[in-house]
Amino acid sequence: MAQVTVYSTPLCAPCERLKQYLKAQGVPFEAKDLMMDEEAAEKIEDLGIRSSPVLEVDGKYYSGAQLTPDQLAGILGLA
């Protein structure tokens, strides 16, 4: 099973949708709050990503338009 991390911010509707999608698919994940976790925030900023949520799957990062259900199914090997 892939190592999955969701980087999100509070009150972020797309972040909550991503977490709900993962739960519905039975994908275990770790959630990191970019407002509280300075190390996580720096990591995402260093990647040049300026929006949340960000999905990390086995060391690869996905954000924005890459996080549609169709794309997620492929990224997570659910298709």
Protein backbone atom coordinates (compact mmCIF):
# COMPACT_ATOMS: atom_id res chain seq x y z
CA MET A 1 0.00 0.00 0.00
CA ALA A 2 1.27 3.45 -0.88
CA GLN A 3 2.36 5.96 1.75
CA VAL A 4 -0.24 8.74 1.45
CA THR A 5 -0.14 12.18 3.06
CA VAL A 6 -2.63 15.03 2.65
CA TYR A 7 -1.30 18.54 3.26
CA SER A 8 -4.23 20.83 4.00
CA THR A 9 -5.30 24.07 5.61
CA PRO A 10 -8.23 24.72 7.96
CA LEU A 11 -11.60 25.65 6.43
CA CYS A 12 -10.45 24.42 3.01
CA ALA A 13 -13.39 22.79 1.20
CA PRO A 14 -11.23 21.05 -1.46
CA CYS A 15 -9.02 19.69 1.35
CA GLU A 16 -12.03 18.19 3.11
CA ARG A 17 -13.33 16.72 -0.17
CA LEU A 18 -9.97 15.05 -0.79
CA LYS A 19 -9.90 13.53 2.70
CA GLN A 20 -13.50 12.31 2.34
CA TYR A 21 -12.65 10.76 -1.05
CA LEU A 22 -9.68 8.90 0.43
CA LYS A 23 -11.77 7.66 3.38
CA ALA A 24 -14.56 6.54 1.03
CA GLN A 25 -12.02 4.59 -1.04
CA GLY A 26 -10.53 3.00 2.09
CA VAL A 27 -7.13 4.64 1.51
CA PRO A 28 -5.23 5.15 4.77
CA PHE A 29 -3.53 8.55 4.93
CA GLU A 30 -1.76 10.93 7.23
CA ALA A 31 -3.05 14.52 7.38
CA LYS A 32 -0.73 17.47 7.93
CA ASP A 33 -2.06 20.95 8.70
CA LEU A 34 0.04 23.50 6.81
CA MET A 35 -0.88 26.20 9.34
CA MET A 36 0.36 24.19 12.33
CA ASP A 37 3.18 22.10 10.83
CA GLU A 38 5.97 24.48 9.86
CA GLU A 39 8.17 21.71 8.47
CA ALA A 40 5.37 20.49 6.19
CA ALA A 41 4.60 24.05 5.06
CA GLU A 42 8.24 24.66 4.16
CA LYS A 43 8.41 21.40 2.22
CA ILE A 44 5.37 22.34 0.11
CA GLU A 45 6.64 25.90 -0.38
CA ASP A 46 10.05 24.58 -1.49
CA LEU A 47 8.25 22.55 -4.17
CA GLY A 48 6.73 25.79 -5.48
CA ILE A 49 3.19 24.73 -4.63
CA ARG A 50 1.09 27.67 -3.44
CA SER A 51 -2.31 26.06 -2.95
CA SER A 52 -3.84 23.33 -0.86
CA PRO A 53 -4.64 20.54 -0.71
CA VAL A 54 -1.48 18.76 -1.74
CA LEU A 55 -1.42 14.97 -1.97
CA GLU A 56 1.84 13.08 -1.46
CA VAL A 57 1.90 9.47 -2.65
CA ASP A 58 5.17 7.60 -2.16
CA GLY A 59 7.22 10.80 -2.41
CA LYS A 60 5.42 12.27 -5.45
CA TYR A 61 3.34 15.41 -5.02
CA TYR A 62 0.04 16.27 -6.68
CA SER A 63 -2.03 19.45 -6.44
CA GLY A 64 -4.71 21.52 -8.16
CA ALA A 65 -6.19 19.98 -11.30
CA GLN A 66 -4.34 16.71 -10.64
CA LEU A 67 -6.73 16.01 -7.76
CA THR A 68 -9.92 15.19 -9.68
CA PRO A 69 -11.53 11.83 -8.79
CA ASP A 70 -10.48 10.35 -12.14
CA GLN A 71 -6.88 11.45 -11.70
CA LEU A 72 -6.85 10.30 -8.07
CA ALA A 73 -8.03 6.83 -9.02
CA GLY A 74 -5.05 6.52 -11.37
CA ILE A 75 -2.55 8.04 -8.93
CA LEU A 76 -3.70 5.71 -6.15
CA GLY A 77 -4.01 2.66 -8.37
CA LEU A 78 -7.75 2.37 -7.74
CA ALA A 79 -8.80 2.30 -11.40
